[in-house]
PDB file of N, CA and C in Angstrom:
ATOM      1  N   MET A   1      44.694  87.949  80.231  1.00  0.00           N
ATOM      2  CA  MET A   1      44.208  88.358  81.540  1.00  0.00           C
ATOM      3  C   MET A   1      43.448  87.229  82.239  1.00  0.00           C
ATOM      4  N   THR A   2      42.782  86.378  81.476  1.00  0.00           N
ATOM      5  CA  THR A   2      41.979  85.319  82.086  1.00  0.00           C
ATOM      6  C   THR A   2      42.820  84.323  82.855  1.00  0.00           C
ATOM      7  N   ASP A   3      44.092  84.164  82.482  1.00  0.00           N
ATOM      8  CA  ASP A   3      44.919  83.201  83.186  1.00  0.00           C
ATOM      9  C   ASP A   3      45.361  83.700  84.562  1.00  0.00           C
ATOM     10  N   LYS A   4      45.082  84.936  84.888  1.00  0.00           N
ATOM     11  CA  LYS A   4      45.473  85.486  86.188  1.00  0.00           C
ATOM     12  C   LYS A   4      44.464  85.162  87.283  1.00  0.00           C
ATOM     13  N   PHE A   5      43.246  84.817  86.912  1.00  0.00           N
ATOM     14  CA  PHE A   5      42.212  84.536  87.902  1.00  0.00           C
ATOM     15  C   PHE A   5      41.981  83.036  87.953  1.00  0.00           C
ATOM     16  N   HIS A   6      42.156  82.448  89.123  1.00  0.00           N
ATOM     17  CA  HIS A   6      42.005  81.000  89.276  1.00  0.00           C
ATOM     18  C   HIS A   6      41.354  80.738  90.631  1.00  0.00           C
ATOM     19  N   LEU A   7      40.106  80.300  90.612  1.00  0.00           N
ATOM     20  CA  LEU A   7      39.355  80.098  91.853  1.00  0.00           C
ATOM     21  C   LEU A   7      40.033  79.115  92.799  1.00  0.00           C
ATOM     22  N   GLY A   8      40.493  78.004  92.276  1.00  0.00           N
ATOM     23  CA  GLY A   8      41.135  77.005  93.126  1.00  0.00           C
ATOM     24  C   GLY A   8      42.360  77.541  93.839  1.00  0.00           C
ATOM     25  N   HIS A   9      43.144  78.331  93.123  1.00  0.00           N
ATOM     26  CA  HIS A   9      44.335  78.931  93.738  1.00  0.00           C
ATOM     27  C   HIS A   9      43.941  79.938  94.814  1.00  0.00           C
ATOM     28  N   LEU A  10      42.861  80.675  94.555  1.00  0.00           N
ATOM     29  CA  LEU A  10      42.383  81.624  95.572  1.00  0.00           C
ATOM     30  C   LEU A  10      41.974  80.894  96.852  1.00  0.00           C
ATOM     31  N   VAL A  11      41.290  79.776  96.694  1.00  0.00           N
ATOM     32  CA  VAL A  11      40.860  78.988  97.855  1.00  0.00           C
ATOM     33  C   VAL A  11      42.084  78.498  98.631  1.00  0.00           C
ATOM     34  N   ARG A  12      43.044  77.910  97.907  1.00  0.00           N
ATOM     35  CA  ARG A  12      44.262  77.408  98.557  1.00  0.00           C
ATOM     36  C   ARG A  12      45.018  78.535  99.266  1.00  0.00           C
ATOM     37  N   ASN A  13      45.143  79.676  98.606  1.00  0.00           N
ATOM     38  CA  ASN A  13      45.868  80.799  99.210  1.00  0.00           C
ATOM     39  C   ASN A  13      45.173  81.326 100.459  1.00  0.00           C
ATOM     40  N   GLU A  14      43.854  81.348 100.444  1.00  0.00           N
ATOM     41  CA  GLU A  14      43.108  81.809 101.624  1.00  0.00           C
ATOM     42  C   GLU A  14      43.254  80.803 102.763  1.00  0.00           C
ATOM     43  N   LEU A  15      43.219  79.534 102.442  1.00  0.00           N
ATOM     44  CA  LEU A  15      43.412  78.489 103.453  1.00  0.00           C
ATOM     45  C   LEU A  15      44.785  78.644 104.112  1.00  0.00           C
ATOM     46  N   ILE A  16      45.798  78.851 103.305  1.00  0.00           N
ATOM     47  CA  ILE A  16      47.158  79.046 103.816  1.00  0.00           C
ATOM     48  C   ILE A  16      47.240  80.324 104.646  1.00  0.00           C
ATOM     49  N   ARG A  17      46.633  81.397 104.128  1.00  0.00           N
ATOM     50  CA  ARG A  17      46.665  82.684 104.846  1.00  0.00           C
ATOM     51  C   ARG A  17      46.075  82.551 106.248  1.00  0.00           C
ATOM     52  N   GLN A  18      45.026  81.732 106.358  1.00  0.00           N
ATOM     53  CA  GLN A  18      44.377  81.533 107.649  1.00  0.00           C
ATOM     54  C   GLN A  18      45.099  80.508 108.522  1.00  0.00           C
ATOM     55  N   GLY A  19      46.104  79.849 107.971  1.00  0.00           N
ATOM     56  CA  GLY A  19      46.851  78.855 108.742  1.00  0.00           C
ATOM     57  C   GLY A  19      46.051  77.594 109.026  1.00  0.00           C
ATOM     58  N   ARG A  20      45.119  77.291 108.153  1.00  0.00           N
ATOM     59  CA  ARG A  20      44.283  76.099 108.337  1.00  0.00           C
ATOM     60  C   ARG A  20      44.798  74.965 107.465  1.00  0.00           C
ATOM     61  N   SER A  21      44.465  73.754 107.843  1.00  0.00           N
ATOM     62  CA  SER A  21      44.944  72.584 107.106  1.00  0.00           C
ATOM     63  C   SER A  21      43.917  72.137 106.064  1.00  0.00           C
ATOM     64  N   VAL A  22      44.407  71.354 105.131  1.00  0.00           N
ATOM     65  CA  VAL A  22      43.529  70.776 104.117  1.00  0.00           C
ATOM     66  C   VAL A  22      42.525  69.835 104.781  1.00  0.00           C
ATOM     67  N   THR A  23      42.975  69.115 105.793  1.00  0.00           N
ATOM     68  CA  THR A  23      42.089  68.219 106.536  1.00  0.00           C
ATOM     69  C   THR A  23      40.950  69.006 107.176  1.00  0.00           C
ATOM     70  N   TRP A  24      41.268  70.150 107.740  1.00  0.00           N
ATOM     71  CA  TRP A  24      40.241  71.001 108.352  1.00  0.00           C
ATOM     72  C   TRP A  24      39.203  71.407 107.314  1.00  0.00           C
ATOM     73  N   LEU A  25      39.665  71.875 106.144  1.00  0.00           N
ATOM     74  CA  LEU A  25      38.729  72.297 105.099  1.00  0.00           C
ATOM     75  C   LEU A  25      37.869  71.126 104.650  1.00  0.00           C
ATOM     76  N   ALA A  26      38.469  69.976 104.462  1.00  0.00           N
ATOM     77  CA  ALA A  26      37.713  68.791 104.033  1.00  0.00           C
ATOM     78  C   ALA A  26      36.590  68.474 105.023  1.00  0.00           C
ATOM     79  N   GLN A  27      36.899  68.575 106.305  1.00  0.00           N
ATOM     80  CA  GLN A  27      35.874  68.317 107.324  1.00  0.00           C
ATOM     81  C   GLN A  27      34.770  69.365 107.249  1.00  0.00           C
ATOM     82  N   GLN A  28      35.136  70.603 107.020  1.00  0.00           N
ATOM     83  CA  GLN A  28      34.154  71.696 106.983  1.00  0.00           C
ATOM     84  C   GLN A  28      33.196  71.576 105.802  1.00  0.00           C
ATOM     85  N   ILE A  29      33.713  71.106 104.669  1.00  0.00           N
ATOM     86  CA  ILE A  29      32.868  71.029 103.470  1.00  0.00           C
ATOM     87  C   ILE A  29      32.403  69.598 103.189  1.00  0.00           C
ATOM     88  N   ASN A  30      32.686  68.702 104.142  1.00  0.00           N
ATOM     89  CA  ASN A  30      32.206  67.325 104.077  1.00  0.00           C
ATOM     90  C   ASN A  30      32.675  66.588 102.817  1.00  0.00           C
ATOM     91  N   CYS A  31      33.994  66.547 102.656  1.00  0.00           N
ATOM     92  CA  CYS A  31      34.555  65.779 101.546  1.00  0.00           C
ATOM     93  C   CYS A  31      35.871  65.148 101.987  1.00  0.00           C
ATOM     94  N   GLU A  32      36.438  64.339 101.148  1.00  0.00           N
ATOM     95  CA  GLU A  32      37.727  63.717 101.426  1.00  0.00           C
ATOM     96  C   GLU A  32      38.839  64.749 101.248  1.00  0.00           C
ATOM     97  N   ARG A  33      39.890  64.582 102.015  1.00  0.00           N
ATOM     98  CA  ARG A  33      41.029  65.501 101.938  1.00  0.00           C
ATOM     99  C   ARG A  33      41.600  65.559 100.523  1.00  0.00           C
ATOM    100  N   THR A  34      41.682  64.417  99.864  1.00  0.00           N
ATOM    101  CA  THR A  34      42.236  64.387  98.510  1.00  0.00           C
ATOM    102  C   THR A  34      41.401  65.210  97.533  1.00  0.00           C
ATOM    103  N   ASN A  35      40.090  65.302  97.774  1.00  0.00           N
ATOM    104  CA  ASN A  35      39.234  66.116  96.908  1.00  0.00           C
ATOM    105  C   ASN A  35      39.588  67.596  97.008  1.00  0.00           C
ATOM    106  N   CYS A  36      40.058  68.018  98.167  1.00  0.00           N
ATOM    107  CA  CYS A  36      40.455  69.424  98.323  1.00  0.00           C
ATOM    108  C   CYS A  36      41.612  69.762  97.394  1.00  0.00           C
ATOM    109  N   TYR A  37      42.542  68.834  97.230  1.00  0.00           N
ATOM    110  CA  TYR A  37      43.662  69.081  96.321  1.00  0.00           C
ATOM    111  C   TYR A  37      43.177  69.231  94.884  1.00  0.00           C
ATOM    112  N   TYR A  38      42.143  68.486  94.507  1.00  0.00           N
ATOM    113  CA  TYR A  38      41.546  68.646  93.177  1.00  0.00           C
ATOM    114  C   TYR A  38      40.880  70.021  93.050  1.00  0.00           C
ATOM    115  N   ILE A  39      40.227  70.460  94.113  1.00  0.00           N
ATOM    116  CA  ILE A  39      39.596  71.781  94.111  1.00  0.00           C
ATOM    117  C   ILE A  39      40.638  72.868  93.875  1.00  0.00           C
ATOM    118  N   PHE A  40      41.787  72.752  94.512  1.00  0.00           N
ATOM    119  CA  PHE A  40      42.830  73.766  94.379  1.00  0.00           C
ATOM    120  C   PHE A  40      43.322  73.901  92.941  1.00  0.00           C
ATOM    121  N   GLU A  41      43.206  72.831  92.170  1.00  0.00           N
ATOM    122  CA  GLU A  41      43.691  72.858  90.784  1.00  0.00           C
ATOM    123  C   GLU A  41      42.607  73.254  89.784  1.00  0.00           C
ATOM    124  N   ARG A  42      41.382  73.397  90.264  1.00  0.00           N
ATOM    125  CA  ARG A  42      40.281  73.734  89.360  1.00  0.00           C
ATOM    126  C   ARG A  42      40.068  75.232  89.290  1.00  0.00           C
ATOM    127  N   ASN A  43      39.884  75.718  88.089  1.00  0.00           N
ATOM    128  CA  ASN A  43      39.559  77.122  87.903  1.00  0.00           C
ATOM    129  C   ASN A  43      38.052  77.337  87.975  1.00  0.00           C
ATOM    130  N   ILE A  44      37.310  76.293  87.696  1.00  0.00           N
ATOM    131  CA  ILE A  44      35.850  76.356  87.742  1.00  0.00           C
ATOM    132  C   ILE A  44      35.388  75.522  88.933  1.00  0.00           C
ATOM    133  N   ILE A  45      34.605  76.147  89.811  1.00  0.00           N
ATOM    134  CA  ILE A  45      34.091  75.462  90.998  1.00  0.00           C
ATOM    135  C   ILE A  45      32.581  75.649  91.037  1.00  0.00           C
ATOM    136  N   ASP A  46      31.869  74.562  91.240  1.00  0.00           N
ATOM    137  CA  ASP A  46      30.419  74.580  91.339  1.00  0.00           C
ATOM    138  C   ASP A  46      29.966  75.623  92.370  1.00  0.00           C
ATOM    139  N   ILE A  47      28.888  76.318  92.086  1.00  0.00           N
ATOM    140  CA  ILE A  47      28.396  77.388  92.954  1.00  0.00           C
ATOM    141  C   ILE A  47      28.108  76.879  94.367  1.00  0.00           C
ATOM    142  N   CYS A  48      27.466  75.734  94.483  1.00  0.00           N
ATOM    143  CA  CYS A  48      27.144  75.199  95.819  1.00  0.00           C
ATOM    144  C   CYS A  48      28.406  74.874  96.603  1.00  0.00           C
ATOM    145  N   LEU A  49      29.382  74.305  95.925  1.00  0.00           N
ATOM    146  CA  LEU A  49      30.648  73.989  96.582  1.00  0.00           C
ATOM    147  C   LEU A  49      31.382  75.270  96.970  1.00  0.00           C
ATOM    148  N   LEU A  50      31.381  76.251  96.073  1.00  0.00           N
ATOM    149  CA  LEU A  50      32.044  77.518  96.384  1.00  0.00           C
ATOM    150  C   LEU A  50      31.374  78.215  97.564  1.00  0.00           C
ATOM    151  N   GLU A  51      30.068  78.063  97.684  1.00  0.00           N
ATOM    152  CA  GLU A  51      29.363  78.627  98.838  1.00  0.00           C
ATOM    153  C   GLU A  51      29.821  77.946 100.129  1.00  0.00           C
ATOM    154  N   LYS A  52      29.925  76.623 100.113  1.00  0.00           N
ATOM    155  CA  LYS A  52      30.397  75.896 101.301  1.00  0.00           C
ATOM    156  C   LYS A  52      31.802  76.335 101.693  1.00  0.00           C
ATOM    157  N   ILE A  53      32.657  76.469 100.694  1.00  0.00           N
ATOM    158  CA  ILE A  53      34.039  76.884 100.951  1.00  0.00           C
ATOM    159  C   ILE A  53      34.065  78.298 101.504  1.00  0.00           C
ATOM    160  N   SER A  54      33.270  79.178 100.916  1.00  0.00           N
ATOM    161  CA  SER A  54      33.192  80.569 101.381  1.00  0.00           C
ATOM    162  C   SER A  54      32.746  80.641 102.835  1.00  0.00           C
ATOM    163  N   ARG A  55      31.754  79.856 103.176  1.00  0.00           N
ATOM    164  CA  ARG A  55      31.269  79.836 104.562  1.00  0.00           C
ATOM    165  C   ARG A  55      32.333  79.284 105.509  1.00  0.00           C
ATOM    166  N   ALA A  56      32.978  78.195 105.100  1.00  0.00           N
ATOM    167  CA  ALA A  56      33.985  77.572 105.957  1.00  0.00           C
ATOM    168  C   ALA A  56      35.144  78.527 106.242  1.00  0.00           C
ATOM    169  N   LEU A  57      35.569  79.238 105.219  1.00  0.00           N
ATOM    170  CA  LEU A  57      36.721  80.131 105.366  1.00  0.00           C
ATOM    171  C   LEU A  57      36.323  81.570 105.707  1.00  0.00           C
ATOM    172  N   SER A  58      35.014  81.799 105.831  1.00  0.00           N
ATOM    173  CA  SER A  58      34.513  83.164 106.090  1.00  0.00           C
ATOM    174  C   SER A  58      35.128  84.160 105.106  1.00  0.00           C
ATOM    175  N   HIS A  59      35.121  83.750 103.847  1.00  0.00           N
ATOM    176  CA  HIS A  59      35.668  84.600 102.780  1.00  0.00           C
ATOM    177  C   HIS A  59      34.743  84.483 101.579  1.00  0.00           C
ATOM    178  N   ASN A  60      34.294  85.607 101.051  1.00  0.00           N
ATOM    179  CA  ASN A  60      33.355  85.599  99.935  1.00  0.00           C
ATOM    180  C   ASN A  60      34.110  85.539  98.608  1.00  0.00           C
ATOM    181  N   PHE A  61      34.278  84.328  98.090  1.00  0.00           N
ATOM    182  CA  PHE A  61      34.954  84.156  96.808  1.00  0.00           C
ATOM    183  C   PHE A  61      34.113  84.661  95.648  1.00  0.00           C
ATOM    184  N   PHE A  62      32.814  84.795  95.856  1.00  0.00           N
ATOM    185  CA  PHE A  62      31.943  85.361  94.826  1.00  0.00           C
ATOM    186  C   PHE A  62      32.274  86.835  94.599  1.00  0.00           C
ATOM    187  N   THR A  63      32.648  87.532  95.662  1.00  0.00           N
ATOM    188  CA  THR A  63      33.067  88.928  95.534  1.00  0.00           C
ATOM    189  C   THR A  63      34.355  89.013  94.732  1.00  0.00           C
ATOM    190  N   ASP A  64      35.282  88.097  94.994  1.00  0.00           N
ATOM    191  CA  ASP A  64      36.530  88.065  94.226  1.00  0.00           C
ATOM    192  C   ASP A  64      36.239  87.879  92.741  1.00  0.00           C
ATOM    193  N   LEU A  65      35.322  86.971  92.439  1.00  0.00           N
ATOM    194  CA  LEU A  65      34.949  86.713  91.055  1.00  0.00           C
ATOM    195  C   LEU A  65      34.273  87.935  90.438  1.00  0.00           C
ATOM    196  N   ALA A  66      33.371  88.556  91.185  1.00  0.00           N
ATOM    197  CA  ALA A  66      32.676  89.746  90.686  1.00  0.00           C
ATOM    198  C   ALA A  66      33.665  90.887  90.427  1.00  0.00           C
ATOM    199  N   ASP A  67      34.616  91.078  91.318  1.00  0.00           N
ATOM    200  CA  ASP A  67      35.626  92.127  91.123  1.00  0.00           C
ATOM    201  C   ASP A  67      36.446  91.863  89.861  1.00  0.00           C
ATOM    202  N   TYR A  68      36.815  90.617  89.670  1.00  0.00           N
ATOM    203  CA  TYR A  68      37.569  90.248  88.476  1.00  0.00           C
ATOM    204  C   TYR A  68      36.738  90.516  87.218  1.00  0.00           C
ATOM    205  N   MET A  69      35.470  90.104  87.248  1.00  0.00           N
ATOM    206  CA  MET A  69      34.608  90.300  86.083  1.00  0.00           C
ATOM    207  C   MET A  69      34.415  91.789  85.779  1.00  0.00           C
ATOM    208  N   THR A  70      34.319  92.600  86.800  1.00  0.00           N
ATOM    209  CA  THR A  70      34.199  94.043  86.595  1.00  0.00           C
ATOM    210  C   THR A  70      35.423  94.573  85.861  1.00  0.00           C
ATOM    211  N   THR A  71      36.592  94.104  86.249  1.00  0.00           N
ATOM    212  CA  THR A  71      37.832  94.507  85.592  1.00  0.00           C
ATOM    213  C   THR A  71      37.844  94.054  84.137  1.00  0.00           C
ATOM    214  N   VAL A  72      37.465  92.812  83.899  1.00  0.00           N
ATOM    215  CA  VAL A  72      37.454  92.275  82.537  1.00  0.00           C
ATOM    216  C   VAL A  72      36.483  93.050  81.666  1.00  0.00           C
ATOM    217  N   ILE A  73      35.304  93.313  82.189  1.00  0.00           N
ATOM    218  CA  ILE A  73      34.292  94.038  81.415  1.00  0.00           C
ATOM    219  C   ILE A  73      34.770  95.455  81.122  1.00  0.00           C
ATOM    220  N   ASN A  74      35.349  96.111  82.101  1.00  0.00           N
ATOM    221  CA  ASN A  74      35.838  97.476  81.897  1.00  0.00           C
ATOM    222  C   ASN A  74      36.952  97.516  80.864  1.00  0.00           C
ATOM    223  N   VAL A  75      37.832  96.535  80.887  1.00  0.00           N
ATOM    224  CA  VAL A  75      38.940  96.481  79.925  1.00  0.00           C
ATOM    225  C   VAL A  75      38.409  96.207  78.527  1.00  0.00           C
ATOM    226  N   SER A  76      37.461  95.271  78.429  1.00  0.00           N
ATOM    227  CA  SER A  76      36.983  94.883  77.105  1.00  0.00           C
ATOM    228  C   SER A  76      36.057  95.916  76.469  1.00  0.00           C
ATOM    229  N   THR A  77      35.521  96.831  77.243  1.00  0.00           N
ATOM    230  CA  THR A  77      34.607  97.832  76.690  1.00  0.00           C
ATOM    231  C   THR A  77      35.270  99.182  76.429  1.00  0.00           C
ATOM    232  N   LYS A  78      36.539  99.298  76.783  1.00  0.00           N
ATOM    233  CA  LYS A  78      37.255 100.539  76.515  1.00  0.00           C
ATOM    234  C   LYS A  78      37.480 100.672  75.004  1.00  0.00           C
ATOM    235  N   PRO A  79      37.237 101.879  74.472  1.00  0.00           N
ATOM    236  CA  PRO A  79      37.476 102.080  73.041  1.00  0.00           C
ATOM    237  C   PRO A  79      38.964 101.954  72.708  1.00  0.00           C
ATOM    238  N   SER A  80      39.246 101.424  71.561  1.00  0.00           N
ATOM    239  CA  SER A  80      40.656 101.249  71.131  1.00  0.00           C
ATOM    240  C   SER A  80      41.246 102.532  70.602  1.00  0.00           C
TER     241      SER A  80
END
């Protein structure tokens, strides 16, 4: 189940959904465009960086993570 949740992929998918460019995101979060491609491949993203991305895209990725964790916790605590 853990391989289904990937923060970088969520960021990339939201960027695409909004029709925004990688260059636009790089400008919003004050980094190089090439760094955005590295972000898309990372499953772990620093909290401060994820906050910047969330603000730029007006999407709360922390909620996505919390929802996923709720699912994982509920699955792992169910009696066998």
